Amino acid sequence: MTPPANIAASLLCSFLAAQRIDAVVEKRAQADLESALIAGGWRFSREHRLSDRDIPDFLVKVEDVAVVIELKIRAQRKRIYRQLERYALHDSVDAVVLLTGTAMQLPLEINGKPARVASLGAGWL
């Protein structure tokens, strides 16, 4: 049986990959993503404070599973990964999803939490 956090992360990635998000300016992309999440009926909070240092762009609840979405238009891969590592250390986070225009992959898990990547460009294909 697939754990609920894996299912939640995969469901959210499928949804994200189908969205047409303006990927030119990160703040605009975040606003587009917020509109898409609202239209899709997802329960979420924007800029959810996990700690003083760790504030992911979105925390989405998929049933009882908390999935962080970090949206990055362009960024250094190592910096993105370190940020996701920190988020995955929090007990309140069950999975992490990176929505990005940067070509990169993630391991299947980061700090024991499911990790997925969704492409910003996929919705435009």
PDB file of N, CA and C in Angstrom:
ATOM      1  N   MET A   1       0.839  -1.193   0.000  1.00  0.00           N
ATOM      2  CA  MET A   1       0.000   0.000   0.000  1.00  0.00           C
ATOM      3  C   MET A   1       0.879   1.249   0.000  1.00  0.00           C
ATOM      4  N   THR A   2       0.535   2.207  -0.812  1.00  0.00           N
ATOM      5  CA  THR A   2       1.296   3.446  -0.894  1.00  0.00           C
ATOM      6  C   THR A   2       0.933   4.350   0.281  1.00  0.00           C
ATOM      7  N   PRO A   3       1.938   4.873   0.989  1.00  0.00           N
ATOM      8  CA  PRO A   3       1.648   5.770   2.114  1.00  0.00           C
ATOM      9  C   PRO A   3       0.890   7.018   1.664  1.00  0.00           C
ATOM     10  N   PRO A   4       0.020   7.546   2.527  1.00  0.00           N
ATOM     11  CA  PRO A   4      -0.784   8.720   2.173  1.00  0.00           C
ATOM     12  C   PRO A   4       0.035   9.930   1.728  1.00  0.00           C
ATOM     13  N   ALA A   5       1.209  10.158   2.319  1.00  0.00           N
ATOM     14  CA  ALA A   5       2.014  11.323   1.936  1.00  0.00           C
ATOM     15  C   ALA A   5       2.502  11.204   0.496  1.00  0.00           C
ATOM     16  N   ASN A   6       2.852   9.983   0.066  1.00  0.00           N
ATOM     17  CA  ASN A   6       3.262   9.774  -1.329  1.00  0.00           C
ATOM     18  C   ASN A   6       2.110  10.057  -2.279  1.00  0.00           C
ATOM     19  N   ILE A   7       0.939   9.567  -1.926  1.00  0.00           N
ATOM     20  CA  ILE A   7      -0.248   9.785  -2.761  1.00  0.00           C
ATOM     21  C   ILE A   7      -0.569  11.274  -2.839  1.00  0.00           C
ATOM     22  N   ALA A   8      -0.543  11.949  -1.704  1.00  0.00           N
ATOM     23  CA  ALA A   8      -0.853  13.380  -1.666  1.00  0.00           C
ATOM     24  C   ALA A   8       0.124  14.180  -2.517  1.00  0.00           C
ATOM     25  N   ALA A   9       1.415  13.886  -2.397  1.00  0.00           N
ATOM     26  CA  ALA A   9       2.424  14.605  -3.177  1.00  0.00           C
ATOM     27  C   ALA A   9       2.224  14.360  -4.672  1.00  0.00           C
ATOM     28  N   SER A  10       1.930  13.127  -5.044  1.00  0.00           N
ATOM     29  CA  SER A  10       1.716  12.801  -6.458  1.00  0.00           C
ATOM     30  C   SER A  10       0.454  13.458  -7.007  1.00  0.00           C
ATOM     31  N   LEU A  11      -0.630  13.447  -6.234  1.00  0.00           N
ATOM     32  CA  LEU A  11      -1.868  14.125  -6.661  1.00  0.00           C
ATOM     33  C   LEU A  11      -1.637  15.611  -6.882  1.00  0.00           C
ATOM     34  N   LEU A  12      -0.941  16.223  -5.952  1.00  0.00           N
ATOM     35  CA  LEU A  12      -0.672  17.652  -6.060  1.00  0.00           C
ATOM     36  C   LEU A  12       0.223  17.949  -7.258  1.00  0.00           C
ATOM     37  N   CYS A  13       1.219  17.108  -7.503  1.00  0.00           N
ATOM     38  CA  CYS A  13       2.095  17.300  -8.669  1.00  0.00           C
ATOM     39  C   CYS A  13       1.315  17.200  -9.974  1.00  0.00           C
ATOM     40  N   SER A  14       0.416  16.249 -10.057  1.00  0.00           N
ATOM     41  CA  SER A  14      -0.409  16.112 -11.265  1.00  0.00           C
ATOM     42  C   SER A  14      -1.244  17.360 -11.490  1.00  0.00           C
ATOM     43  N   PHE A  15      -1.824  17.875 -10.426  1.00  0.00           N
ATOM     44  CA  PHE A  15      -2.604  19.109 -10.522  1.00  0.00           C
ATOM     45  C   PHE A  15      -1.714  20.267 -10.970  1.00  0.00           C
ATOM     46  N   LEU A  16      -0.555  20.424 -10.344  1.00  0.00           N
ATOM     47  CA  LEU A  16       0.347  21.538 -10.657  1.00  0.00           C
ATOM     48  C   LEU A  16       0.836  21.482 -12.099  1.00  0.00           C
ATOM     49  N   ALA A  17       1.141  20.283 -12.577  1.00  0.00           N
ATOM     50  CA  ALA A  17       1.657  20.127 -13.940  1.00  0.00           C
ATOM     51  C   ALA A  17       0.637  20.540 -14.993  1.00  0.00           C
ATOM     52  N   ALA A  18      -0.633  20.543 -14.651  1.00  0.00           N
ATOM     53  CA  ALA A  18      -1.688  20.906 -15.608  1.00  0.00           C
ATOM     54  C   ALA A  18      -2.004  22.406 -15.604  1.00  0.00           C
ATOM     55  N   GLN A  19      -1.394  23.159 -14.698  1.00  0.00           N
ATOM     56  CA  GLN A  19      -1.725  24.585 -14.573  1.00  0.00           C
ATOM     57  C   GLN A  19      -0.877  25.443 -15.505  1.00  0.00           C
ATOM     58  N   ARG A  20      -1.481  26.498 -15.994  1.00  0.00           N
ATOM     59  CA  ARG A  20      -0.751  27.477 -16.805  1.00  0.00           C
ATOM     60  C   ARG A  20      -0.394  28.653 -15.904  1.00  0.00           C
ATOM     61  N   ILE A  21       0.843  28.657 -15.473  1.00  0.00           N
ATOM     62  CA  ILE A  21       1.321  29.662 -14.532  1.00  0.00           C
ATOM     63  C   ILE A  21       2.349  30.535 -15.229  1.00  0.00           C
ATOM     64  N   ASP A  22       2.167  31.845 -15.119  1.00  0.00           N
ATOM     65  CA  ASP A  22       3.095  32.815 -15.703  1.00  0.00           C
ATOM     66  C   ASP A  22       4.430  32.701 -14.975  1.00  0.00           C
ATOM     67  N   ALA A  23       5.437  32.200 -15.666  1.00  0.00           N
ATOM     68  CA  ALA A  23       6.717  31.912 -15.032  1.00  0.00           C
ATOM     69  C   ALA A  23       7.774  32.981 -15.268  1.00  0.00           C
ATOM     70  N   VAL A  24       7.364  34.199 -15.605  1.00  0.00           N
ATOM     71  CA  VAL A  24       8.337  35.257 -15.863  1.00  0.00           C
ATOM     72  C   VAL A  24       8.790  35.910 -14.556  1.00  0.00           C
ATOM     73  N   VAL A  25       7.851  36.240 -13.696  1.00  0.00           N
ATOM     74  CA  VAL A  25       8.150  36.896 -12.419  1.00  0.00           C
ATOM     75  C   VAL A  25       7.616  36.006 -11.296  1.00  0.00           C
ATOM     76  N   GLU A  26       8.463  35.715 -10.313  1.00  0.00           N
ATOM     77  CA  GLU A  26       8.083  34.757  -9.268  1.00  0.00           C
ATOM     78  C   GLU A  26       6.845  35.186  -8.484  1.00  0.00           C
ATOM     79  N   LYS A  27       6.730  36.463  -8.141  1.00  0.00           N
ATOM     80  CA  LYS A  27       5.554  36.927  -7.381  1.00  0.00           C
ATOM     81  C   LYS A  27       4.273  36.748  -8.192  1.00  0.00           C
ATOM     82  N   ARG A  28       4.347  36.980  -9.494  1.00  0.00           N
ATOM     83  CA  ARG A  28       3.186  36.767 -10.367  1.00  0.00           C
ATOM     84  C   ARG A  28       2.846  35.275 -10.427  1.00  0.00           C
ATOM     85  N   ALA A  29       3.877  34.447 -10.506  1.00  0.00           N
ATOM     86  CA  ALA A  29       3.661  32.996 -10.540  1.00  0.00           C
ATOM     87  C   ALA A  29       2.996  32.518  -9.250  1.00  0.00           C
ATOM     88  N   GLN A  30       3.400  33.086  -8.114  1.00  0.00           N
ATOM     89  CA  GLN A  30       2.779  32.723  -6.837  1.00  0.00           C
ATOM     90  C   GLN A  30       1.307  33.120  -6.815  1.00  0.00           C
ATOM     91  N   ALA A  31       1.005  34.296  -7.353  1.00  0.00           N
ATOM     92  CA  ALA A  31      -0.396  34.745  -7.415  1.00  0.00           C
ATOM     93  C   ALA A  31      -1.211  33.829  -8.328  1.00  0.00           C
ATOM     94  N   ASP A  32      -0.634  33.443  -9.465  1.00  0.00           N
ATOM     95  CA  ASP A  32      -1.315  32.514 -10.377  1.00  0.00           C
ATOM     96  C   ASP A  32      -1.550  31.162  -9.702  1.00  0.00           C
ATOM     97  N   LEU A  33      -0.548  30.692  -8.963  1.00  0.00           N
ATOM     98  CA  LEU A  33      -0.686  29.416  -8.266  1.00  0.00           C
ATOM     99  C   LEU A  33      -1.769  29.506  -7.197  1.00  0.00           C
ATOM    100  N   GLU A  34      -1.798  30.604  -6.472  1.00  0.00           N
ATOM    101  CA  GLU A  34      -2.841  30.786  -5.461  1.00  0.00           C
ATOM    102  C   GLU A  34      -4.227  30.740  -6.103  1.00  0.00           C
ATOM    103  N   SER A  35      -4.396  31.418  -7.233  1.00  0.00           N
ATOM    104  CA  SER A  35      -5.681  31.401  -7.946  1.00  0.00           C
ATOM    105  C   SER A  35      -6.051  29.987  -8.393  1.00  0.00           C
ATOM    106  N   ALA A  36      -5.059  29.244  -8.880  1.00  0.00           N
ATOM    107  CA  ALA A  36      -5.306  27.868  -9.327  1.00  0.00           C
ATOM    108  C   ALA A  36      -5.707  26.971  -8.151  1.00  0.00           C
ATOM    109  N   LEU A  37      -5.049  27.135  -7.017  1.00  0.00           N
ATOM    110  CA  LEU A  37      -5.388  26.331  -5.837  1.00  0.00           C
ATOM    111  C   LEU A  37      -6.798  26.642  -5.348  1.00  0.00           C
ATOM    112  N   ILE A  38      -7.160  27.919  -5.372  1.00  0.00           N
ATOM    113  CA  ILE A  38      -8.519  28.319  -4.981  1.00  0.00           C
ATOM    114  C   ILE A  38      -9.536  27.700  -5.939  1.00  0.00           C
ATOM    115  N   ALA A  39      -9.286  27.857  -7.246  1.00  0.00           N
ATOM    116  CA  ALA A  39     -10.208  27.324  -8.256  1.00  0.00           C
ATOM    117  C   ALA A  39     -10.324  25.802  -8.159  1.00  0.00           C
ATOM    118  N   GLY A  40      -9.228  25.146  -7.764  1.00  0.00           N
ATOM    119  CA  GLY A  40      -9.235  23.692  -7.641  1.00  0.00           C
ATOM    120  C   GLY A  40      -9.838  23.185  -6.337  1.00  0.00           C
ATOM    121  N   GLY A  41     -10.177  24.107  -5.446  1.00  0.00           N
ATOM    122  CA  GLY A  41     -10.805  23.719  -4.187  1.00  0.00           C
ATOM    123  C   GLY A  41      -9.845  23.151  -3.144  1.00  0.00           C
ATOM    124  N   TRP A  42      -8.557  23.433  -3.277  1.00  0.00           N
ATOM    125  CA  TRP A  42      -7.565  22.938  -2.324  1.00  0.00           C
ATOM    126  C   TRP A  42      -7.594  23.767  -1.040  1.00  0.00           C
ATOM    127  N   ARG A  43      -7.344  23.125   0.093  1.00  0.00           N
ATOM    128  CA  ARG A  43      -7.180  23.831   1.374  1.00  0.00           C
ATOM    129  C   ARG A  43      -5.689  24.146   1.521  1.00  0.00           C
ATOM    130  N   PHE A  44      -5.378  25.419   1.699  1.00  0.00           N
ATOM    131  CA  PHE A  44      -3.966  25.798   1.755  1.00  0.00           C
ATOM    132  C   PHE A  44      -3.784  27.090   2.535  1.00  0.00           C
ATOM    133  N   SER A  45      -2.535  27.337   2.903  1.00  0.00           N
ATOM    134  CA  SER A  45      -2.154  28.642   3.432  1.00  0.00           C
ATOM    135  C   SER A  45      -0.930  29.100   2.647  1.00  0.00           C
ATOM    136  N   ARG A  46      -0.854  30.396   2.435  1.00  0.00           N
ATOM    137  CA  ARG A  46       0.250  30.974   1.678  1.00  0.00           C
ATOM    138  C   ARG A  46       1.278  31.530   2.656  1.00  0.00           C
ATOM    139  N   GLU A  47       2.552  31.345   2.304  1.00  0.00           N
ATOM    140  CA  GLU A  47       3.670  31.776   3.151  1.00  0.00           C
ATOM    141  C   GLU A  47       3.459  31.305   4.586  1.00  0.00           C
ATOM    142  N   HIS A  48       3.286  30.016   4.707  1.00  0.00           N
ATOM    143  CA  HIS A  48       3.021  29.364   5.992  1.00  0.00           C
ATOM    144  C   HIS A  48       4.309  29.323   6.821  1.00  0.00           C
ATOM    145  N   ARG A  49       4.275  29.873   7.999  1.00  0.00           N
ATOM    146  CA  ARG A  49       5.464  29.953   8.855  1.00  0.00           C
ATOM    147  C   ARG A  49       5.668  28.637   9.611  1.00  0.00           C
ATOM    148  N   LEU A  50       6.715  27.907   9.229  1.00  0.00           N
ATOM    149  CA  LEU A  50       7.107  26.703   9.956  1.00  0.00           C
ATOM    150  C   LEU A  50       8.011  27.076  11.127  1.00  0.00           C
ATOM    151  N   SER A  51       8.832  28.120  10.906  1.00  0.00           N
ATOM    152  CA  SER A  51       9.726  28.679  11.920  1.00  0.00           C
ATOM    153  C   SER A  51      10.099  30.079  11.437  1.00  0.00           C
ATOM    154  N   ASP A  52      10.901  30.787  12.204  1.00  0.00           N
ATOM    155  CA  ASP A  52      11.316  32.128  11.780  1.00  0.00           C
ATOM    156  C   ASP A  52      12.065  32.096  10.454  1.00  0.00           C
ATOM    157  N   ARG A  53      12.805  31.038  10.208  1.00  0.00           N
ATOM    158  CA  ARG A  53      13.615  30.928   8.995  1.00  0.00           C
ATOM    159  C   ARG A  53      12.895  30.206   7.860  1.00  0.00           C
ATOM    160  N   ASP A  54      12.001  29.321   8.204  1.00  0.00           N
ATOM    161  CA  ASP A  54      11.389  28.440   7.210  1.00  0.00           C
ATOM    162  C   ASP A  54       9.945  28.840   6.929  1.00  0.00           C
ATOM    163  N   ILE A  55       9.758  29.491   5.767  1.00  0.00           N
ATOM    164  CA  ILE A  55       8.433  29.965   5.361  1.00  0.00           C
ATOM    165  C   ILE A  55       8.204  29.543   3.907  1.00  0.00           C
ATOM    166  N   PRO A  56       7.675  28.339   3.700  1.00  0.00           N
ATOM    167  CA  PRO A  56       7.425  27.902   2.321  1.00  0.00           C
ATOM    168  C   PRO A  56       6.327  28.740   1.671  1.00  0.00           C
ATOM    169  N   ASP A  57       6.327  28.749   0.348  1.00  0.00           N
ATOM    170  CA  ASP A  57       5.342  29.543  -0.393  1.00  0.00           C
ATOM    171  C   ASP A  57       3.917  29.104  -0.075  1.00  0.00           C
ATOM    172  N   PHE A  58       3.681  27.798  -0.010  1.00  0.00           N
ATOM    173  CA  PHE A  58       2.337  27.275   0.265  1.00  0.00           C
ATOM    174  C   PHE A  58       2.437  26.017   1.123  1.00  0.00           C
ATOM    175  N   LEU A  59       1.447  25.824   1.959  1.00  0.00           N
ATOM    176  CA  LEU A  59       1.245  24.561   2.662  1.00  0.00           C
ATOM    177  C   LEU A  59      -0.161  24.110   2.302  1.00  0.00           C
ATOM    178  N   VAL A  60      -0.240  22.988   1.592  1.00  0.00           N
ATOM    179  CA  VAL A  60      -1.522  22.479   1.104  1.00  0.00           C
ATOM    180  C   VAL A  60      -1.910  21.253   1.922  1.00  0.00           C
ATOM    181  N   LYS A  61      -3.163  21.199   2.326  1.00  0.00           N
ATOM    182  CA  LYS A  61      -3.685  20.034   3.041  1.00  0.00           C
ATOM    183  C   LYS A  61      -4.415  19.144   2.038  1.00  0.00           C
ATOM    184  N   VAL A  62      -3.944  17.928   1.898  1.00  0.00           N
ATOM    185  CA  VAL A  62      -4.597  16.925   1.070  1.00  0.00           C
ATOM    186  C   VAL A  62      -5.144  15.902   2.059  1.00  0.00           C
ATOM    187  N   GLU A  63      -6.432  16.026   2.354  1.00  0.00           N
ATOM    188  CA  GLU A  63      -7.055  15.326   3.478  1.00  0.00           C
ATOM    189  C   GLU A  63      -6.288  15.736   4.734  1.00  0.00           C
ATOM    190  N   ASP A  64      -5.619  14.805   5.410  1.00  0.00           N
ATOM    191  CA  ASP A  64      -4.874  15.162   6.624  1.00  0.00           C
ATOM    192  C   ASP A  64      -3.369  15.246   6.391  1.00  0.00           C
ATOM    193  N   VAL A  65      -2.947  15.274   5.144  1.00  0.00           N
ATOM    194  CA  VAL A  65      -1.529  15.292   4.800  1.00  0.00           C
ATOM    195  C   VAL A  65      -1.111  16.719   4.448  1.00  0.00           C
ATOM    196  N   ALA A  66      -0.046  17.197   5.086  1.00  0.00           N
ATOM    197  CA  ALA A  66       0.461  18.555   4.851  1.00  0.00           C
ATOM    198  C   ALA A  66       1.604  18.501   3.841  1.00  0.00           C
ATOM    199  N   VAL A  67       1.386  19.145   2.692  1.00  0.00           N
ATOM    200  CA  VAL A  67       2.375  19.152   1.621  1.00  0.00           C
ATOM    201  C   VAL A  67       2.844  20.585   1.390  1.00  0.00           C
ATOM    202  N   VAL A  68       4.144  20.793   1.496  1.00  0.00           N
ATOM    203  CA  VAL A  68       4.740  22.097   1.208  1.00  0.00           C
ATOM    204  C   VAL A  68       4.929  22.217  -0.295  1.00  0.00           C
ATOM    205  N   ILE A  69       4.586  23.384  -0.842  1.00  0.00           N
ATOM    206  CA  ILE A  69       4.937  23.707  -2.232  1.00  0.00           C
ATOM    207  C   ILE A  69       5.895  24.887  -2.181  1.00  0.00           C
ATOM    208  N   GLU A  70       7.056  24.703  -2.782  1.00  0.00           N
ATOM    209  CA  GLU A  70       8.003  25.802  -2.938  1.00  0.00           C
ATOM    210  C   GLU A  70       8.089  26.096  -4.426  1.00  0.00           C
ATOM    211  N   LEU A  71       7.818  27.333  -4.810  1.00  0.00           N
ATOM    212  CA  LEU A  71       7.823  27.743  -6.207  1.00  0.00           C
ATOM    213  C   LEU A  71       9.103  28.525  -6.472  1.00  0.00           C
ATOM    214  N   LYS A  72       9.866  28.087  -7.452  1.00  0.00           N
ATOM    215  CA  LYS A  72      11.112  28.757  -7.824  1.00  0.00           C
ATOM    216  C   LYS A  72      11.158  28.905  -9.341  1.00  0.00           C
ATOM    217  N   ILE A  73      11.244  30.154  -9.786  1.00  0.00           N
ATOM    218  CA  ILE A  73      11.393  30.405 -11.228  1.00  0.00           C
ATOM    219  C   ILE A  73      12.811  30.023 -11.655  1.00  0.00           C
ATOM    220  N   ARG A  74      13.773  30.644 -11.012  1.00  0.00           N
ATOM    221  CA  ARG A  74      15.184  30.360 -11.258  1.00  0.00           C
ATOM    222  C   ARG A  74      15.893  30.409  -9.910  1.00  0.00           C
ATOM    223  N   ALA A  75      16.726  29.445  -9.678  1.00  0.00           N
ATOM    224  CA  ALA A  75      17.521  29.453  -8.452  1.00  0.00           C
ATOM    225  C   ALA A  75      18.595  28.381  -8.566  1.00  0.00           C
ATOM    226  N   GLN A  76      19.603  28.513  -7.734  1.00  0.00           N
ATOM    227  CA  GLN A  76      20.665  27.518  -7.713  1.00  0.00           C
ATOM    228  C   GLN A  76      20.118  26.215  -7.131  1.00  0.00           C
ATOM    229  N   ARG A  77      20.445  25.122  -7.796  1.00  0.00           N
ATOM    230  CA  ARG A  77      19.915  23.821  -7.390  1.00  0.00           C
ATOM    231  C   ARG A  77      20.259  23.468  -5.938  1.00  0.00           C
ATOM    232  N   LYS A  78      21.503  23.702  -5.550  1.00  0.00           N
ATOM    233  CA  LYS A  78      21.907  23.371  -4.177  1.00  0.00           C
ATOM    234  C   LYS A  78      21.135  24.200  -3.158  1.00  0.00           C
ATOM    235  N   ARG A  79      20.915  25.442  -3.479  1.00  0.00           N
ATOM    236  CA  ARG A  79      20.173  26.323  -2.562  1.00  0.00           C
ATOM    237  C   ARG A  79      18.718  25.856  -2.418  1.00  0.00           C
ATOM    238  N   ILE A  80      18.110  25.491  -3.536  1.00  0.00           N
ATOM    239  CA  ILE A  80      16.736  24.977  -3.506  1.00  0.00           C
ATOM    240  C   ILE A  80      16.683  23.711  -2.649  1.00  0.00           C
ATOM    241  N   TYR A  81      17.614  22.804  -2.893  1.00  0.00           N
ATOM    242  CA  TYR A  81      17.609  21.531  -2.173  1.00  0.00           C
ATOM    243  C   TYR A  81      17.772  21.749  -0.671  1.00  0.00           C
ATOM    244  N   ARG A  82      18.686  22.616  -0.281  1.00  0.00           N
ATOM    245  CA  ARG A  82      18.890  22.898   1.148  1.00  0.00           C
ATOM    246  C   ARG A  82      17.622  23.452   1.789  1.00  0.00           C
ATOM    247  N   GLN A  83      16.940  24.305   1.047  1.00  0.00           N
ATOM    248  CA  GLN A  83      15.689  24.875   1.553  1.00  0.00           C
ATOM    249  C   GLN A  83      14.650  23.764   1.766  1.00  0.00           C
ATOM    250  N   LEU A  84      14.515  22.874   0.804  1.00  0.00           N
ATOM    251  CA  LEU A  84      13.572  21.761   0.928  1.00  0.00           C
ATOM    252  C   LEU A  84      13.968  20.821   2.071  1.00  0.00           C
ATOM    253  N   GLU A  85      15.271  20.629   2.252  1.00  0.00           N
ATOM    254  CA  GLU A  85      15.741  19.811   3.379  1.00  0.00           C
ATOM    255  C   GLU A  85      15.275  20.385   4.712  1.00  0.00           C
ATOM    256  N   ARG A  86      15.396  21.693   4.851  1.00  0.00           N
ATOM    257  CA  ARG A  86      14.962  22.336   6.101  1.00  0.00           C
ATOM    258  C   ARG A  86      13.466  22.149   6.307  1.00  0.00           C
ATOM    259  N   TYR A  87      12.680  22.360   5.250  1.00  0.00           N
ATOM    260  CA  TYR A  87      11.228  22.206   5.374  1.00  0.00           C
ATOM    261  C   TYR A  87      10.867  20.784   5.801  1.00  0.00           C
ATOM    262  N   ALA A  88      11.556  19.805   5.217  1.00  0.00           N
ATOM    263  CA  ALA A  88      11.246  18.401   5.493  1.00  0.00           C
ATOM    264  C   ALA A  88      11.622  17.977   6.917  1.00  0.00           C
ATOM    265  N   LEU A  89      12.409  18.761   7.600  1.00  0.00           N
ATOM    266  CA  LEU A  89      12.758  18.457   8.991  1.00  0.00           C
ATOM    267  C   LEU A  89      11.610  18.740   9.959  1.00  0.00           C
ATOM    268  N   HIS A  90      10.657  19.548   9.543  1.00  0.00           N
ATOM    269  CA  HIS A  90       9.554  19.930  10.426  1.00  0.00           C
ATOM    270  C   HIS A  90       8.534  18.797  10.546  1.00  0.00           C
ATOM    271  N   ASP A  91       8.138  18.508  11.772  1.00  0.00           N
ATOM    272  CA  ASP A  91       7.150  17.454  12.025  1.00  0.00           C
ATOM    273  C   ASP A  91       5.798  17.760  11.392  1.00  0.00           C
ATOM    274  N   SER A  92       5.492  19.035  11.206  1.00  0.00           N
ATOM    275  CA  SER A  92       4.193  19.427  10.640  1.00  0.00           C
ATOM    276  C   SER A  92       4.131  19.254   9.126  1.00  0.00           C
ATOM    277  N   VAL A  93       5.251  18.901   8.495  1.00  0.00           N
ATOM    278  CA  VAL A  93       5.321  18.709   7.041  1.00  0.00           C
ATOM    279  C   VAL A  93       5.395  17.214   6.750  1.00  0.00           C
ATOM    280  N   ASP A  94       4.506  16.742   5.861  1.00  0.00           N
ATOM    281  CA  ASP A  94       4.475  15.325   5.490  1.00  0.00           C
ATOM    282  C   ASP A  94       5.136  15.040   4.148  1.00  0.00           C
ATOM    283  N   ALA A  95       5.216  16.063   3.270  1.00  0.00           N
ATOM    284  CA  ALA A  95       5.817  15.896   1.944  1.00  0.00           C
ATOM    285  C   ALA A  95       6.209  17.269   1.412  1.00  0.00           C
ATOM    286  N   VAL A  96       7.154  17.276   0.455  1.00  0.00           N
ATOM    287  CA  VAL A  96       7.575  18.530  -0.174  1.00  0.00           C
ATOM    288  C   VAL A  96       7.458  18.407  -1.684  1.00  0.00           C
ATOM    289  N   VAL A  97       6.979  19.492  -2.304  1.00  0.00           N
ATOM    290  CA  VAL A  97       6.864  19.560  -3.757  1.00  0.00           C
ATOM    291  C   VAL A  97       7.543  20.840  -4.219  1.00  0.00           C
ATOM    292  N   LEU A  98       8.408  20.702  -5.202  1.00  0.00           N
ATOM    293  CA  LEU A  98       9.059  21.846  -5.825  1.00  0.00           C
ATOM    294  C   LEU A  98       8.382  22.099  -7.162  1.00  0.00           C
ATOM    295  N   LEU A  99       7.869  23.297  -7.350  1.00  0.00           N
ATOM    296  CA  LEU A  99       7.294  23.725  -8.628  1.00  0.00           C
ATOM    297  C   LEU A  99       8.285  24.709  -9.210  1.00  0.00           C
ATOM    298  N   THR A 100       8.899  24.356 -10.332  1.00  0.00           N
ATOM    299  CA  THR A 100      10.028  25.150 -10.801  1.00  0.00           C
ATOM    300  C   THR A 100      10.161  25.187 -12.317  1.00  0.00           C
ATOM    301  N   GLY A 101      10.852  26.217 -12.760  1.00  0.00           N
ATOM    302  CA  GLY A 101      11.258  26.331 -14.147  1.00  0.00           C
ATOM    303  C   GLY A 101      12.697  25.874 -14.317  1.00  0.00           C
ATOM    304  N   THR A 102      13.362  25.558 -13.219  1.00  0.00           N
ATOM    305  CA  THR A 102      14.742  25.080 -13.238  1.00  0.00           C
ATOM    306  C   THR A 102      14.736  23.574 -13.484  1.00  0.00           C
ATOM    307  N   ALA A 103      15.516  23.139 -14.454  1.00  0.00           N
ATOM    308  CA  ALA A 103      15.598  21.703 -14.741  1.00  0.00           C
ATOM    309  C   ALA A 103      16.381  21.023 -13.625  1.00  0.00           C
ATOM    310  N   MET A 104      15.685  20.231 -12.830  1.00  0.00           N
ATOM    311  CA  MET A 104      16.352  19.495 -11.761  1.00  0.00           C
ATOM    312  C   MET A 104      15.493  18.337 -11.307  1.00  0.00           C
ATOM    313  N   GLN A 105      16.136  17.414 -10.638  1.00  0.00           N
ATOM    314  CA  GLN A 105      15.439  16.270 -10.063  1.00  0.00           C
ATOM    315  C   GLN A 105      15.665  16.275  -8.564  1.00  0.00           C
ATOM    316  N   LEU A 106      14.809  15.573  -7.859  1.00  0.00           N
ATOM    317  CA  LEU A 106      14.955  15.388  -6.422  1.00  0.00           C
ATOM    318  C   LEU A 106      14.980  13.897  -6.133  1.00  0.00           C
ATOM    319  N   PRO A 107      15.572  13.504  -5.009  1.00  0.00           N
ATOM    320  CA  PRO A 107      15.430  12.106  -4.604  1.00  0.00           C
ATOM    321  C   PRO A 107      13.969  11.840  -4.253  1.00  0.00           C
ATOM    322  N   LEU A 108      13.586  10.590  -4.153  1.00  0.00           N
ATOM    323  CA  LEU A 108      12.197  10.256  -3.820  1.00  0.00           C
ATOM    324  C   LEU A 108      11.809  10.734  -2.432  1.00  0.00           C
ATOM    325  N   GLU A 109      12.803  10.859  -1.543  1.00  0.00           N
ATOM    326  CA  GLU A 109      12.549  11.356  -0.192  1.00  0.00           C
ATOM    327  C   GLU A 109      13.640  12.331   0.220  1.00  0.00           C
ATOM    328  N   ILE A 110      13.248  13.312   1.019  1.00  0.00           N
ATOM    329  CA  ILE A 110      14.188  14.229   1.656  1.00  0.00           C
ATOM    330  C   ILE A 110      13.887  14.166   3.150  1.00  0.00           C
ATOM    331  N   ASN A 111      14.886  13.803   3.921  1.00  0.00           N
ATOM    332  CA  ASN A 111      14.719  13.648   5.374  1.00  0.00           C
ATOM    333  C   ASN A 111      13.518  12.768   5.727  1.00  0.00           C
ATOM    334  N   GLY A 112      13.347  11.700   4.949  1.00  0.00           N
ATOM    335  CA  GLY A 112      12.278  10.747   5.226  1.00  0.00           C
ATOM    336  C   GLY A 112      10.892  11.159   4.760  1.00  0.00           C
ATOM    337  N   LYS A 113      10.791  12.293   4.063  1.00  0.00           N
ATOM    338  CA  LYS A 113       9.492  12.780   3.572  1.00  0.00           C
ATOM    339  C   LYS A 113       9.475  12.665   2.041  1.00  0.00           C
ATOM    340  N   PRO A 114       8.340  12.270   1.453  1.00  0.00           N
ATOM    341  CA  PRO A 114       8.252  12.214  -0.005  1.00  0.00           C
ATOM    342  C   PRO A 114       8.579  13.577  -0.623  1.00  0.00           C
ATOM    343  N   ALA A 115       9.320  13.534  -1.729  1.00  0.00           N
ATOM    344  CA  ALA A 115       9.715  14.754  -2.439  1.00  0.00           C
ATOM    345  C   ALA A 115       9.393  14.585  -3.919  1.00  0.00           C
ATOM    346  N   ARG A 116       8.815  15.609  -4.504  1.00  0.00           N
ATOM    347  CA  ARG A 116       8.437  15.569  -5.919  1.00  0.00           C
ATOM    348  C   ARG A 116       8.786  16.900  -6.579  1.00  0.00           C
ATOM    349  N   VAL A 117       8.941  16.860  -7.911  1.00  0.00           N
ATOM    350  CA  VAL A 117       9.172  18.065  -8.713  1.00  0.00           C
ATOM    351  C   VAL A 117       8.064  18.165  -9.741  1.00  0.00           C
ATOM    352  N   ALA A 118       7.510  19.363  -9.892  1.00  0.00           N
ATOM    353  CA  ALA A 118       6.538  19.649 -10.952  1.00  0.00           C
ATOM    354  C   ALA A 118       7.113  20.775 -11.801  1.00  0.00           C
ATOM    355  N   SER A 119       6.967  20.664 -13.104  1.00  0.00           N
ATOM    356  CA  SER A 119       7.506  21.655 -14.032  1.00  0.00           C
ATOM    357  C   SER A 119       6.515  22.786 -14.272  1.00  0.00           C
ATOM    358  N   LEU A 120       7.022  24.015 -14.187  1.00  0.00           N
ATOM    359  CA  LEU A 120       6.184  25.177 -14.493  1.00  0.00           C
ATOM    360  C   LEU A 120       5.763  25.199 -15.960  1.00  0.00           C
ATOM    361  N   GLY A 121       6.565  24.618 -16.830  1.00  0.00           N
ATOM    362  CA  GLY A 121       6.272  24.661 -18.255  1.00  0.00           C
ATOM    363  C   GLY A 121       5.294  23.605 -18.735  1.00  0.00           C
ATOM    364  N   ALA A 122       5.047  22.581 -17.942  1.00  0.00           N
ATOM    365  CA  ALA A 122       4.223  21.451 -18.387  1.00  0.00           C
ATOM    366  C   ALA A 122       2.805  21.867 -18.758  1.00  0.00           C
ATOM    367  N   GLY A 123       2.230  22.801 -18.037  1.00  0.00           N
ATOM    368  CA  GLY A 123       0.858  23.225 -18.303  1.00  0.00           C
ATOM    369  C   GLY A 123       0.682  23.951 -19.625  1.00  0.00           C
ATOM    370  N   TRP A 124       1.784  24.403 -20.207  1.00  0.00           N
ATOM    371  CA  TRP A 124       1.729  25.138 -21.474  1.00  0.00           C
ATOM    372  C   TRP A 124       1.896  24.221 -22.679  1.00  0.00           C
ATOM    373  N   LEU A 125       2.187  22.942 -22.429  1.00  0.00           N
ATOM    374  CA  LEU A 125       2.401  22.006 -23.549  1.00  0.00           C
ATOM    375  C   LEU A 125       1.099  21.473 -24.093  1.00  0.00           C
TER     376      LEU A 125
END
